[in-house]
Amino acid sequence: MKNNTNTAVVLSEEDFELLKSFVTPSANDENPMSLAYELSRAKVVKKDQVPEGQVRINSKVTIEDLVSKAKTTVTIVHPSDADIKQQKISVLTPIGSALIGLKINDEIEWKMPVGLRKYIILEVSNPS
C-alpha cells in the first residue's frame, strides 16, 4: 500500500494487461491503496519506455524498513511463479501490489500482521 497516492505508478503494457486480468481498474474503489485503484491511475507505456529503476514484474527489489533499518530483497513475479523460499513474491500479494510501478527512492507503507510498516525502495534490478 502506498503512503502517497500522488506517487506516479508507471507500468509496461504487458504488466498492465497481466494485472488487469486479475483485477478490474477502478477509480471508485473504496480502498485508494488497492491494486484496482493503482491500475486505474497508472501511466501505461511501451516496455522499452519504462524508466530505469521502475519496479516491474520480474524486478528484484531491495527495500529498507524506515524504523528498524532492516533490508529485504524480493523478486516480484507472476502468481504462478511465486516461491517464498526463493524470495519470489506474487504481484498480487500486498507487498507485490505495493511495489509494482514504483521506483527507487519511493516510500511505501502497508499493513503487516505486526502493524503498519513504512519502507523505502533502495534498489531495483530489472530483467533484460
N, C-alpha and C. Protein backbone atom coordinates (compact mmCIF):
# COMPACT_ATOMS: atom_id res chain seq x y z
N MET A 1 0.84 -1.18 0.00
CA MET A 1 0.00 0.00 0.00
C MET A 1 0.88 1.23 0.00
N LYS A 2 0.56 2.13 -0.84
CA LYS A 2 1.38 3.32 -0.95
C LYS A 2 0.95 4.35 0.07
N ASN A 3 1.90 5.12 0.54
CA ASN A 3 1.55 6.14 1.51
C ASN A 3 1.28 7.48 0.83
N ASN A 4 1.49 7.53 -0.46
CA ASN A 4 1.30 8.79 -1.16
C ASN A 4 0.63 8.49 -2.49
N THR A 5 -0.66 8.78 -2.58
CA THR A 5 -1.39 8.48 -3.81
C THR A 5 -0.99 9.40 -4.94
N ASN A 6 -0.08 10.35 -4.68
CA ASN A 6 0.43 11.21 -5.75
C ASN A 6 1.68 10.62 -6.40
N THR A 7 2.25 9.57 -5.81
CA THR A 7 3.43 8.93 -6.39
C THR A 7 3.03 8.32 -7.72
N ALA A 8 3.81 8.61 -8.75
CA ALA A 8 3.48 8.11 -10.08
C ALA A 8 3.67 6.60 -10.15
N VAL A 9 2.69 5.92 -10.71
CA VAL A 9 2.78 4.48 -10.96
C VAL A 9 2.94 4.32 -12.46
N VAL A 10 4.05 3.73 -12.89
CA VAL A 10 4.32 3.53 -14.32
C VAL A 10 4.40 2.03 -14.56
N LEU A 11 3.59 1.55 -15.52
CA LEU A 11 3.56 0.13 -15.85
C LEU A 11 3.75 -0.07 -17.34
N SER A 12 4.42 -1.16 -17.69
CA SER A 12 4.51 -1.52 -19.11
C SER A 12 3.15 -2.04 -19.54
N GLU A 13 2.88 -2.00 -20.84
CA GLU A 13 1.62 -2.51 -21.37
C GLU A 13 1.42 -3.96 -20.96
N GLU A 14 2.50 -4.76 -21.01
CA GLU A 14 2.41 -6.18 -20.66
C GLU A 14 2.03 -6.37 -19.19
N ASP A 15 2.69 -5.63 -18.30
CA ASP A 15 2.38 -5.75 -16.88
C ASP A 15 0.95 -5.29 -16.61
N PHE A 16 0.55 -4.19 -17.24
CA PHE A 16 -0.81 -3.67 -17.04
C PHE A 16 -1.85 -4.70 -17.47
N GLU A 17 -1.66 -5.29 -18.64
CA GLU A 17 -2.61 -6.29 -19.15
C GLU A 17 -2.67 -7.51 -18.24
N LEU A 18 -1.52 -7.96 -17.76
CA LEU A 18 -1.49 -9.10 -16.86
C LEU A 18 -2.24 -8.78 -15.57
N LEU A 19 -1.94 -7.64 -14.97
CA LEU A 19 -2.59 -7.26 -13.72
C LEU A 19 -4.09 -7.05 -13.90
N LYS A 20 -4.44 -6.50 -15.05
CA LYS A 20 -5.86 -6.26 -15.35
C LYS A 20 -6.62 -7.58 -15.45
N SER A 21 -5.91 -8.67 -15.82
CA SER A 21 -6.58 -9.97 -15.90
C SER A 21 -6.96 -10.50 -14.52
N PHE A 22 -6.32 -9.95 -13.47
CA PHE A 22 -6.62 -10.37 -12.10
C PHE A 22 -7.58 -9.44 -11.38
N VAL A 23 -7.60 -8.17 -11.78
CA VAL A 23 -8.42 -7.18 -11.09
C VAL A 23 -8.84 -6.11 -12.09
N THR A 24 -10.04 -5.60 -11.93
CA THR A 24 -10.54 -4.55 -12.81
C THR A 24 -10.16 -3.18 -12.26
N PRO A 25 -9.49 -2.33 -13.08
CA PRO A 25 -9.15 -0.98 -12.60
C PRO A 25 -10.40 -0.21 -12.18
N SER A 26 -10.34 0.47 -11.06
CA SER A 26 -11.49 1.22 -10.58
C SER A 26 -11.06 2.42 -9.76
N ALA A 27 -11.34 3.61 -10.28
CA ALA A 27 -11.03 4.83 -9.53
C ALA A 27 -12.01 5.00 -8.37
N ASN A 28 -13.12 4.26 -8.39
CA ASN A 28 -14.12 4.36 -7.33
C ASN A 28 -13.92 3.31 -6.26
N ASP A 29 -12.83 2.57 -6.32
CA ASP A 29 -12.55 1.55 -5.33
C ASP A 29 -12.58 2.18 -3.94
N GLU A 30 -13.16 1.48 -2.96
CA GLU A 30 -13.24 2.01 -1.61
C GLU A 30 -11.88 2.15 -0.95
N ASN A 31 -10.91 1.40 -1.43
CA ASN A 31 -9.57 1.43 -0.83
C ASN A 31 -8.59 2.09 -1.81
N PRO A 32 -8.21 3.34 -1.57
CA PRO A 32 -7.31 4.02 -2.50
C PRO A 32 -5.91 3.40 -2.55
N MET A 33 -5.65 2.42 -1.69
CA MET A 33 -4.35 1.75 -1.72
C MET A 33 -4.46 0.36 -2.35
N SER A 34 -5.58 0.04 -2.97
CA SER A 34 -5.76 -1.28 -3.57
C SER A 34 -5.12 -1.36 -4.95
N LEU A 35 -4.90 -2.57 -5.41
CA LEU A 35 -4.33 -2.78 -6.73
C LEU A 35 -5.27 -2.23 -7.81
N ALA A 36 -6.57 -2.40 -7.64
CA ALA A 36 -7.54 -1.88 -8.62
C ALA A 36 -7.41 -0.36 -8.76
N TYR A 37 -7.29 0.32 -7.64
CA TYR A 37 -7.13 1.78 -7.68
C TYR A 37 -5.81 2.16 -8.34
N GLU A 38 -4.74 1.45 -7.98
CA GLU A 38 -3.42 1.74 -8.57
C GLU A 38 -3.46 1.57 -10.09
N LEU A 39 -4.12 0.52 -10.57
CA LEU A 39 -4.22 0.30 -12.01
C LEU A 39 -5.00 1.42 -12.69
N SER A 40 -6.01 1.93 -12.00
CA SER A 40 -6.85 2.99 -12.59
C SER A 40 -6.08 4.28 -12.80
N ARG A 41 -5.01 4.49 -12.01
CA ARG A 41 -4.26 5.74 -12.13
C ARG A 41 -2.87 5.54 -12.74
N ALA A 42 -2.56 4.32 -13.16
CA ALA A 42 -1.23 4.03 -13.71
C ALA A 42 -1.02 4.69 -15.07
N LYS A 43 0.21 5.10 -15.30
CA LYS A 43 0.63 5.56 -16.62
C LYS A 43 1.16 4.32 -17.33
N VAL A 44 0.54 3.96 -18.44
CA VAL A 44 0.90 2.74 -19.16
C VAL A 44 1.76 3.12 -20.37
N VAL A 45 2.93 2.49 -20.45
CA VAL A 45 3.88 2.81 -21.52
C VAL A 45 4.38 1.52 -22.17
N LYS A 46 5.00 1.67 -23.35
CA LYS A 46 5.61 0.52 -24.01
C LYS A 46 6.76 0.00 -23.16
N LYS A 47 7.03 -1.30 -23.27
CA LYS A 47 8.05 -1.94 -22.43
C LYS A 47 9.39 -1.21 -22.48
N ASP A 48 9.80 -0.77 -23.68
CA ASP A 48 11.09 -0.09 -23.80
C ASP A 48 11.06 1.35 -23.30
N GLN A 49 9.89 1.83 -22.86
CA GLN A 49 9.78 3.20 -22.33
C GLN A 49 9.64 3.23 -20.80
N VAL A 50 9.65 2.05 -20.18
CA VAL A 50 9.59 2.01 -18.72
C VAL A 50 10.91 2.57 -18.19
N PRO A 51 10.86 3.60 -17.35
CA PRO A 51 12.10 4.21 -16.86
C PRO A 51 12.97 3.21 -16.10
N GLU A 52 14.27 3.40 -16.17
CA GLU A 52 15.22 2.59 -15.42
C GLU A 52 14.90 2.75 -13.93
N GLY A 53 14.96 1.66 -13.19
CA GLY A 53 14.70 1.73 -11.75
C GLY A 53 13.24 1.65 -11.37
N GLN A 54 12.36 1.40 -12.33
CA GLN A 54 10.92 1.26 -12.07
C GLN A 54 10.63 -0.21 -11.79
N VAL A 55 9.83 -0.50 -10.79
CA VAL A 55 9.50 -1.88 -10.44
C VAL A 55 8.50 -2.45 -11.43
N ARG A 56 8.89 -3.60 -12.03
CA ARG A 56 8.03 -4.31 -12.98
C ARG A 56 7.90 -5.75 -12.52
N ILE A 57 7.08 -6.50 -13.21
CA ILE A 57 7.04 -7.93 -12.94
C ILE A 57 8.40 -8.50 -13.31
N ASN A 58 8.94 -9.33 -12.45
CA ASN A 58 10.27 -9.94 -12.53
C ASN A 58 11.39 -9.00 -12.09
N SER A 59 11.06 -7.86 -11.49
CA SER A 59 12.07 -6.98 -10.92
C SER A 59 12.53 -7.54 -9.57
N LYS A 60 13.83 -7.41 -9.31
CA LYS A 60 14.38 -7.71 -7.99
C LYS A 60 14.45 -6.37 -7.26
N VAL A 61 13.83 -6.31 -6.08
CA VAL A 61 13.67 -5.04 -5.37
C VAL A 61 14.23 -5.16 -3.95
N THR A 62 15.07 -4.19 -3.57
CA THR A 62 15.56 -4.13 -2.19
C THR A 62 14.87 -2.96 -1.51
N ILE A 63 14.25 -3.27 -0.36
CA ILE A 63 13.56 -2.25 0.42
C ILE A 63 14.17 -2.20 1.82
N GLU A 64 14.01 -1.03 2.46
CA GLU A 64 14.51 -0.86 3.82
C GLU A 64 13.38 -0.37 4.71
N ASP A 65 13.19 -1.03 5.84
CA ASP A 65 12.22 -0.61 6.84
C ASP A 65 12.72 0.71 7.43
N LEU A 66 11.91 1.75 7.37
CA LEU A 66 12.34 3.08 7.81
C LEU A 66 12.50 3.18 9.33
N VAL A 67 11.92 2.24 10.08
CA VAL A 67 12.06 2.27 11.54
C VAL A 67 13.21 1.38 11.98
N SER A 68 13.18 0.10 11.60
CA SER A 68 14.20 -0.85 12.07
C SER A 68 15.48 -0.82 11.24
N LYS A 69 15.41 -0.22 10.05
CA LYS A 69 16.53 -0.17 9.09
C LYS A 69 16.86 -1.56 8.51
N ALA A 70 16.01 -2.55 8.74
CA ALA A 70 16.21 -3.89 8.17
C ALA A 70 15.98 -3.83 6.66
N LYS A 71 16.85 -4.51 5.92
CA LYS A 71 16.73 -4.55 4.46
C LYS A 71 16.25 -5.92 4.01
N THR A 72 15.40 -5.91 2.98
CA THR A 72 14.84 -7.13 2.42
C THR A 72 14.90 -7.03 0.90
N THR A 73 15.24 -8.13 0.25
CA THR A 73 15.24 -8.17 -1.21
C THR A 73 14.26 -9.24 -1.66
N VAL A 74 13.35 -8.86 -2.57
CA VAL A 74 12.37 -9.80 -3.12
C VAL A 74 12.32 -9.60 -4.64
N THR A 75 11.82 -10.62 -5.32
CA THR A 75 11.55 -10.51 -6.74
C THR A 75 10.04 -10.56 -6.92
N ILE A 76 9.49 -9.59 -7.65
CA ILE A 76 8.04 -9.51 -7.88
C ILE A 76 7.73 -10.36 -9.11
N VAL A 77 6.87 -11.38 -8.95
CA VAL A 77 6.64 -12.33 -10.03
C VAL A 77 5.15 -12.56 -10.29
N HIS A 78 4.88 -13.22 -11.42
CA HIS A 78 3.54 -13.70 -11.75
C HIS A 78 3.12 -14.66 -10.63
N PRO A 79 1.83 -14.67 -10.25
CA PRO A 79 1.41 -15.54 -9.15
C PRO A 79 1.84 -17.00 -9.29
N SER A 80 1.86 -17.53 -10.49
CA SER A 80 2.23 -18.94 -10.68
C SER A 80 3.72 -19.19 -10.44
N ASP A 81 4.53 -18.13 -10.40
CA ASP A 81 5.98 -18.26 -10.19
C ASP A 81 6.40 -17.96 -8.75
N ALA A 82 5.43 -17.63 -7.89
CA ALA A 82 5.75 -17.26 -6.52
C ALA A 82 6.38 -18.44 -5.77
N ASP A 83 7.42 -18.15 -4.99
CA ASP A 83 8.12 -19.15 -4.19
C ASP A 83 8.83 -18.41 -3.05
N ILE A 84 8.22 -18.42 -1.89
CA ILE A 84 8.74 -17.64 -0.77
C ILE A 84 10.15 -18.08 -0.39
N LYS A 85 10.48 -19.35 -0.56
CA LYS A 85 11.83 -19.83 -0.22
C LYS A 85 12.89 -19.16 -1.09
N GLN A 86 12.52 -18.77 -2.31
CA GLN A 86 13.44 -18.08 -3.21
C GLN A 86 13.21 -16.56 -3.20
N GLN A 87 12.42 -16.09 -2.27
CA GLN A 87 12.04 -14.67 -2.16
C GLN A 87 11.36 -14.15 -3.42
N LYS A 88 10.59 -15.02 -4.07
CA LYS A 88 9.79 -14.63 -5.23
C LYS A 88 8.37 -14.39 -4.73
N ILE A 89 7.96 -13.13 -4.77
CA ILE A 89 6.69 -12.70 -4.20
C ILE A 89 5.69 -12.39 -5.33
N SER A 90 4.49 -12.96 -5.23
CA SER A 90 3.45 -12.69 -6.22
C SER A 90 3.11 -11.20 -6.26
N VAL A 91 2.88 -10.71 -7.47
CA VAL A 91 2.47 -9.32 -7.65
C VAL A 91 1.11 -9.07 -7.00
N LEU A 92 0.36 -10.13 -6.71
CA LEU A 92 -0.95 -9.97 -6.10
C LEU A 92 -0.93 -9.92 -4.58
N THR A 93 0.25 -10.17 -3.97
CA THR A 93 0.35 -10.04 -2.52
C THR A 93 0.34 -8.56 -2.15
N PRO A 94 0.06 -8.23 -0.89
CA PRO A 94 0.12 -6.82 -0.51
C PRO A 94 1.47 -6.17 -0.81
N ILE A 95 2.56 -6.90 -0.55
CA ILE A 95 3.89 -6.33 -0.83
C ILE A 95 4.07 -6.14 -2.33
N GLY A 96 3.72 -7.16 -3.11
CA GLY A 96 3.89 -7.09 -4.56
C GLY A 96 3.08 -5.96 -5.18
N SER A 97 1.81 -5.86 -4.78
CA SER A 97 0.99 -4.80 -5.37
C SER A 97 1.40 -3.42 -4.87
N ALA A 98 2.02 -3.35 -3.68
CA ALA A 98 2.51 -2.06 -3.17
C ALA A 98 3.71 -1.58 -3.98
N LEU A 99 4.57 -2.52 -4.38
CA LEU A 99 5.81 -2.14 -5.04
C LEU A 99 5.67 -1.92 -6.55
N ILE A 100 4.79 -2.66 -7.20
CA ILE A 100 4.71 -2.62 -8.67
C ILE A 100 4.45 -1.19 -9.16
N GLY A 101 5.24 -0.77 -10.13
CA GLY A 101 5.05 0.54 -10.74
C GLY A 101 5.78 1.68 -10.05
N LEU A 102 6.37 1.43 -8.87
CA LEU A 102 7.11 2.48 -8.18
C LEU A 102 8.57 2.43 -8.59
N LYS A 103 9.38 3.33 -8.01
CA LYS A 103 10.78 3.43 -8.44
C LYS A 103 11.69 3.64 -7.23
N ILE A 104 12.98 3.60 -7.49
CA ILE A 104 13.98 3.82 -6.46
C ILE A 104 13.69 5.15 -5.74
N ASN A 105 13.83 5.13 -4.42
CA ASN A 105 13.62 6.26 -3.51
C ASN A 105 12.15 6.55 -3.19
N ASP A 106 11.21 5.83 -3.83
CA ASP A 106 9.81 5.99 -3.42
C ASP A 106 9.63 5.36 -2.05
N GLU A 107 8.77 5.96 -1.24
CA GLU A 107 8.43 5.40 0.07
C GLU A 107 7.03 4.80 -0.01
N ILE A 108 6.87 3.67 0.68
CA ILE A 108 5.58 2.99 0.69
C ILE A 108 5.27 2.55 2.11
N GLU A 109 4.02 2.22 2.33
CA GLU A 109 3.64 1.62 3.60
C GLU A 109 2.57 0.58 3.33
N TRP A 110 2.54 -0.45 4.14
CA TRP A 110 1.48 -1.43 4.03
C TRP A 110 1.29 -2.11 5.36
N LYS A 111 0.10 -2.72 5.51
CA LYS A 111 -0.23 -3.40 6.76
C LYS A 111 0.38 -4.79 6.75
N MET A 112 1.08 -5.08 7.82
CA MET A 112 1.66 -6.39 8.06
C MET A 112 0.94 -6.96 9.28
N PRO A 113 1.09 -8.27 9.54
CA PRO A 113 0.46 -8.82 10.75
C PRO A 113 0.85 -8.08 12.03
N VAL A 114 2.06 -7.50 12.04
CA VAL A 114 2.53 -6.78 13.23
C VAL A 114 2.18 -5.29 13.21
N GLY A 115 1.44 -4.85 12.19
CA GLY A 115 1.04 -3.45 12.12
C GLY A 115 1.51 -2.77 10.85
N LEU A 116 1.30 -1.47 10.77
CA LEU A 116 1.68 -0.69 9.59
C LEU A 116 3.19 -0.51 9.54
N ARG A 117 3.79 -0.82 8.39
CA ARG A 117 5.23 -0.68 8.19
C ARG A 117 5.49 0.31 7.07
N LYS A 118 6.58 1.08 7.20
CA LYS A 118 6.98 2.03 6.17
C LYS A 118 8.33 1.63 5.61
N TYR A 119 8.45 1.68 4.29
CA TYR A 119 9.67 1.26 3.61
C TYR A 119 10.07 2.27 2.56
N ILE A 120 11.36 2.21 2.19
CA ILE A 120 11.85 2.97 1.05
C ILE A 120 12.47 1.97 0.08
N ILE A 121 12.29 2.22 -1.20
CA ILE A 121 12.87 1.36 -2.22
C ILE A 121 14.31 1.81 -2.45
N LEU A 122 15.26 0.91 -2.19
CA LEU A 122 16.68 1.25 -2.32
C LEU A 122 17.25 0.87 -3.68
N GLU A 123 16.88 -0.32 -4.18
CA GLU A 123 17.44 -0.81 -5.44
C GLU A 123 16.37 -1.54 -6.23
N VAL A 124 16.47 -1.42 -7.55
CA VAL A 124 15.59 -2.16 -8.46
C VAL A 124 16.45 -2.68 -9.59
N SER A 125 16.41 -3.97 -9.83
CA SER A 125 17.11 -4.50 -10.97
C SER A 125 16.09 -5.25 -11.82
N ASN A 126 16.05 -4.89 -13.09
CA ASN A 126 15.05 -5.44 -14.00
C ASN A 126 15.67 -6.42 -14.96
N PRO A 127 14.88 -7.42 -15.40
CA PRO A 127 15.37 -8.35 -16.39
C PRO A 127 15.60 -7.63 -17.72
N SER A 128 16.46 -8.16 -18.54
CA SER A 128 16.75 -7.52 -19.84
C SER A 128 15.56 -7.57 -20.77
